[in-house]
Amino acid sequence: MVIELADVAIRRGGAGGFLMSVPRFAVAAGEAVAITGASGSGKSTVLDALGLVLRPEAAGGFRCCGADAAALWRADDLDGLAATRAAGIGYILQTGGLLPFLSVRDNIGLSPALLGQRDGAAHVAALVEALGLGPHLGKMPAQLSIGERQRAAIARALAHRPALLLADEPTASLDPVNAQKVLELLLGLVKSLGTALVLVSHDWAKVASLGLRRYATAAATAGGWLAEVPS
């Protein structure tokens, strides 16, 4: 398993805030799962915890990318958490999140460069080809269409060969045809690379046809929970 949680509680907003309960959550290498739910039901809270940026209030078990994240949190080992996050996790935002002052080429190459990876040229070239980004490498993000920005964001998120990819509504800003194309490209890439994918969406109908295992969030007045939905 690339990521595995057991009896995890995540609180956002302090003592009186929203408490999210995750009894069990696990994703294997090369597997893609979807987290769906209504707005405000805790999807982003779960994603922030999976990305090691939101500290769990309690955790019976929390392993991520080969690291015991629960132990790192208990020890306040922020450097260990940051190292796990940098090397093991890729992230795709709704709007791509590309750095506007870097070219597409430099955006894609940023994480491998920061991690000192010197053997990834062939991998990055394969990503660029698969995502049709060759003609756009010298462009700045503002010169790209929305669909091109999302494809560049996928390449950037996968360039350092992360074990885990988190995608927060990655097709929310795309029209239905392009959204389907981007999702199919994304799923094909993570499967071929052996990367675990957690895809967050409010629109289950959009991803239902892709055969993803599904978890759903539900919220009460001051708390919520995450549970797997039987297929």
Protein backbone atom coordinates (compact mmCIF):
# COMPACT_ATOMS: atom_id res chain seq x y z
CA MET A 1 0.00 0.00 0.00
CA VAL A 2 1.23 3.47 -0.85
CA ILE A 3 -1.05 5.09 1.68
CA GLU A 4 -2.90 3.42 4.53
CA LEU A 5 -4.94 5.05 7.30
CA ALA A 6 -6.72 3.40 10.22
CA ASP A 7 -8.85 5.16 12.84
CA VAL A 8 -7.68 8.64 11.90
CA ALA A 9 -9.37 11.80 13.19
CA ILE A 10 -8.68 15.11 11.49
CA ARG A 11 -9.82 18.44 12.92
CA ARG A 12 -9.97 21.69 10.98
CA GLY A 13 -10.58 24.98 12.73
CA GLY A 14 -9.41 24.36 16.29
CA ALA A 15 -11.25 22.88 19.27
CA GLY A 16 -14.68 23.93 18.05
CA GLY A 17 -14.02 23.14 14.42
CA PHE A 18 -14.95 20.40 12.02
CA LEU A 19 -13.84 16.87 12.98
CA MET A 20 -13.40 14.32 10.19
CA SER A 21 -13.31 10.61 11.00
CA VAL A 22 -11.51 8.15 8.70
CA PRO A 23 -11.98 4.57 9.97
CA ARG A 24 -10.01 3.03 7.11
CA PHE A 25 -8.50 4.24 3.84
CA ALA A 26 -5.92 2.51 1.65
CA VAL A 27 -4.61 2.84 -1.90
CA ALA A 28 -2.13 0.51 -3.58
CA ALA A 29 0.56 1.33 -6.13
CA GLY A 30 -0.95 1.90 -9.56
CA GLU A 31 -4.49 2.12 -8.15
CA ALA A 32 -6.82 5.08 -8.55
CA VAL A 33 -9.61 5.90 -6.11
CA ALA A 34 -12.12 8.72 -6.03
CA ILE A 35 -13.31 10.68 -3.02
CA THR A 36 -16.70 12.26 -3.66
CA GLY A 37 -19.12 14.24 -1.56
CA ALA A 38 -21.08 17.46 -1.33
CA SER A 39 -19.40 20.81 -0.80
CA GLY A 40 -18.42 21.24 2.84
CA SER A 41 -18.46 17.52 3.61
CA GLY A 42 -14.73 17.28 4.29
CA LYS A 43 -13.12 16.27 0.97
CA SER A 44 -10.43 18.95 1.18
CA THR A 45 -9.83 18.16 4.86
CA VAL A 46 -9.07 14.54 3.96
CA LEU A 47 -6.87 15.58 1.03
CA ASP A 48 -4.84 17.96 3.20
CA ALA A 49 -4.25 15.14 5.70
CA LEU A 50 -3.21 12.73 2.93
CA GLY A 51 -0.81 15.41 1.69
CA LEU A 52 0.80 15.62 5.15
CA VAL A 53 -0.05 19.29 5.61
CA LEU A 54 -2.90 18.89 8.15
CA ARG A 55 -1.96 17.14 11.37
CA PRO A 56 -4.33 14.39 12.52
CA GLU A 57 -5.82 14.76 15.96
CA ALA A 58 -5.51 10.99 16.40
CA ALA A 59 -4.25 8.11 14.31
CA GLY A 60 -4.31 4.39 14.97
CA GLY A 61 -2.19 4.04 11.85
CA PHE A 62 -1.04 6.42 9.12
CA ARG A 63 1.54 5.25 6.59
CA CYS A 64 2.38 7.29 3.50
CA CYS A 65 4.93 6.59 0.77
CA GLY A 66 6.90 4.18 2.95
CA ALA A 67 7.00 6.49 5.97
CA ASP A 68 5.20 6.17 9.29
CA ALA A 69 3.47 9.53 9.13
CA ALA A 70 1.76 9.02 12.49
CA ALA A 71 5.15 8.62 14.18
CA LEU A 72 6.54 11.65 12.35
CA TRP A 73 3.61 13.77 13.52
CA ARG A 74 3.95 12.51 17.12
CA ALA A 75 7.65 13.39 17.09
CA ASP A 76 6.96 16.83 15.54
CA ASP A 77 9.43 15.80 12.82
CA LEU A 78 8.47 18.49 10.33
CA ASP A 79 11.62 17.91 8.30
CA GLY A 80 10.76 14.23 7.93
CA LEU A 81 7.22 15.08 6.88
CA ALA A 82 8.48 17.68 4.39
CA ALA A 83 10.96 15.21 2.91
CA THR A 84 8.26 12.56 2.51
CA ARG A 85 5.93 15.09 0.95
CA ALA A 86 8.52 16.46 -1.46
CA ALA A 87 9.82 13.11 -2.71
CA GLY A 88 6.68 10.99 -2.48
CA ILE A 89 3.68 13.17 -3.31
CA GLY A 90 2.53 15.02 -6.42
CA TYR A 91 -0.40 17.46 -6.34
CA ILE A 92 -2.76 18.77 -9.02
CA LEU A 93 -4.98 21.74 -8.17
CA GLN A 94 -8.26 22.75 -9.81
CA THR A 95 -6.55 25.50 -11.77
CA GLY A 96 -3.24 23.73 -12.36
CA GLY A 97 -1.24 25.84 -9.94
CA LEU A 98 1.66 26.40 -12.36
CA LEU A 99 4.16 29.05 -11.35
CA PRO A 100 3.35 32.00 -13.65
CA PHE A 101 6.96 33.24 -13.88
CA LEU A 102 8.36 29.91 -15.15
CA SER A 103 7.99 28.39 -18.58
CA VAL A 104 6.13 25.10 -19.02
CA ARG A 105 9.51 23.36 -19.35
CA ASP A 106 10.78 24.86 -16.10
CA ASN A 107 7.52 24.19 -14.25
CA ILE A 108 7.72 20.52 -15.19
CA GLY A 109 11.39 20.28 -14.28
CA LEU A 110 11.16 22.10 -10.95
CA SER A 111 10.56 19.16 -8.57
CA PRO A 112 13.20 16.86 -10.12
CA ALA A 113 15.70 19.73 -9.94
CA LEU A 114 14.91 20.52 -6.30
CA LEU A 115 15.23 16.82 -5.42
CA GLY A 116 18.54 16.50 -7.25
CA GLN A 117 17.21 13.90 -9.67
CA ARG A 118 19.60 13.60 -12.61
CA ASP A 119 18.25 10.48 -14.29
CA GLY A 120 14.72 11.54 -15.19
CA ALA A 121 15.13 13.10 -18.64
CA ALA A 122 13.64 10.11 -20.45
CA HIS A 123 10.74 9.94 -18.00
CA VAL A 124 9.95 13.66 -18.42
CA ALA A 125 10.24 13.37 -22.22
CA ALA A 126 7.73 10.49 -22.16
CA LEU A 127 5.32 12.56 -20.06
CA VAL A 128 5.63 15.52 -22.43
CA GLU A 129 4.92 13.29 -25.42
CA ALA A 130 1.99 11.48 -23.79
CA LEU A 131 0.38 14.77 -22.79
CA GLY A 132 1.04 16.53 -26.12
CA LEU A 133 3.07 19.31 -24.52
CA GLY A 134 6.02 19.40 -26.93
CA PRO A 135 4.91 22.57 -28.78
CA HIS A 136 4.25 24.38 -25.51
CA LEU A 137 7.45 23.84 -23.50
CA GLY A 138 8.78 27.34 -24.16
CA LYS A 139 5.50 29.07 -23.36
CA MET A 140 4.50 30.74 -20.11
CA PRO A 141 1.38 29.47 -18.31
CA ALA A 142 -0.62 32.57 -19.30
CA GLN A 143 -0.12 31.63 -22.95
CA LEU A 144 -1.81 28.24 -22.52
CA SER A 145 -5.45 27.26 -22.75
CA ILE A 146 -7.10 25.89 -19.61
CA GLY A 147 -6.79 22.35 -20.92
CA GLU A 148 -3.13 22.83 -21.77
CA ARG A 149 -2.46 24.20 -18.28
CA GLN A 150 -4.06 21.14 -16.70
CA ARG A 151 -2.00 18.79 -18.87
CA ALA A 152 1.15 20.72 -17.91
CA ALA A 153 0.12 20.46 -14.25
CA ILE A 154 -0.19 16.68 -14.62
CA ALA A 155 3.30 16.51 -16.12
CA ARG A 156 4.72 18.66 -13.32
CA ALA A 157 3.03 16.56 -10.63
CA LEU A 158 4.42 13.31 -12.08
CA ALA A 159 7.85 14.54 -13.18
CA HIS A 160 9.62 13.45 -9.98
CA ARG A 161 7.97 9.99 -10.11
CA PRO A 162 5.96 10.32 -6.88
CA ALA A 163 4.46 7.28 -5.22
CA LEU A 164 1.22 9.18 -4.53
CA LEU A 165 -0.65 11.70 -6.67
CA LEU A 166 -3.39 13.86 -5.15
CA ALA A 167 -5.76 15.57 -7.58
CA ASP A 168 -8.24 18.13 -6.25
CA GLU A 169 -11.07 18.58 -8.78
CA PRO A 170 -8.51 18.56 -11.63
CA THR A 171 -11.13 18.90 -14.40
CA ALA A 172 -13.54 21.29 -12.68
CA SER A 173 -12.64 24.15 -15.03
CA LEU A 174 -12.82 22.08 -18.24
CA ASP A 175 -15.69 21.41 -20.59
CA PRO A 176 -17.07 17.84 -20.48
CA VAL A 177 -15.19 16.59 -23.57
CA ASN A 178 -11.81 17.90 -22.44
CA ALA A 179 -12.50 16.82 -18.85
CA GLN A 180 -12.98 13.23 -19.99
CA LYS A 181 -9.82 13.34 -22.12
CA VAL A 182 -7.71 14.71 -19.26
CA LEU A 183 -9.06 12.12 -16.81
CA GLU A 184 -8.35 9.27 -19.21
CA LEU A 185 -4.81 10.56 -19.79
CA LEU A 186 -4.26 10.91 -16.05
CA LEU A 187 -5.49 7.41 -15.26
CA GLY A 188 -3.40 5.88 -18.02
CA LEU A 189 -0.27 7.60 -16.77
CA VAL A 190 -0.64 6.65 -13.11
CA LYS A 191 -1.32 3.04 -14.04
CA SER A 192 1.75 2.84 -16.27
CA LEU A 193 3.95 4.52 -13.65
CA GLY A 194 2.64 2.52 -10.69
CA THR A 195 1.59 5.73 -8.95
CA ALA A 196 -1.34 5.69 -6.51
CA LEU A 197 -3.97 8.31 -7.37
CA VAL A 198 -6.51 9.92 -5.06
CA LEU A 199 -8.93 11.97 -7.13
CA VAL A 200 -11.32 14.33 -5.35
CA SER A 201 -14.53 15.32 -7.11
CA HIS A 202 -17.99 16.60 -6.20
CA ASP A 203 -19.31 15.05 -9.43
CA TRP A 204 -19.44 11.26 -9.13
CA ALA A 205 -21.18 10.93 -12.52
CA LYS A 206 -18.06 12.38 -14.18
CA VAL A 207 -15.78 9.66 -12.87
CA ALA A 208 -18.19 6.74 -12.47
CA SER A 209 -17.53 5.39 -15.96
CA LEU A 210 -13.78 5.14 -15.30
CA GLY A 211 -14.08 2.17 -12.93
CA LEU A 212 -12.50 3.84 -9.89
CA ARG A 213 -12.97 2.50 -6.39
CA ARG A 214 -14.98 5.10 -4.52
CA TYR A 215 -14.93 6.63 -1.06
CA ALA A 216 -17.51 9.21 -0.04
CA THR A 217 -17.57 11.94 2.58
CA ALA A 218 -20.62 12.82 4.64
CA ALA A 219 -21.01 15.63 7.14
CA ALA A 220 -23.08 16.28 10.23
CA THR A 221 -23.33 19.57 12.11
CA ALA A 222 -19.82 19.57 13.60
CA GLY A 223 -18.21 16.50 12.09
CA GLY A 224 -18.03 14.08 9.23
CA TRP A 225 -16.67 10.75 8.10
CA LEU A 226 -15.12 9.00 5.12
CA ALA A 227 -16.28 5.54 4.08
CA GLU A 228 -15.84 3.26 1.10
CA VAL A 229 -18.89 2.89 -1.12
CA PRO A 230 -19.56 -0.71 -2.25
CA SER A 231 -19.30 -1.16 -6.01
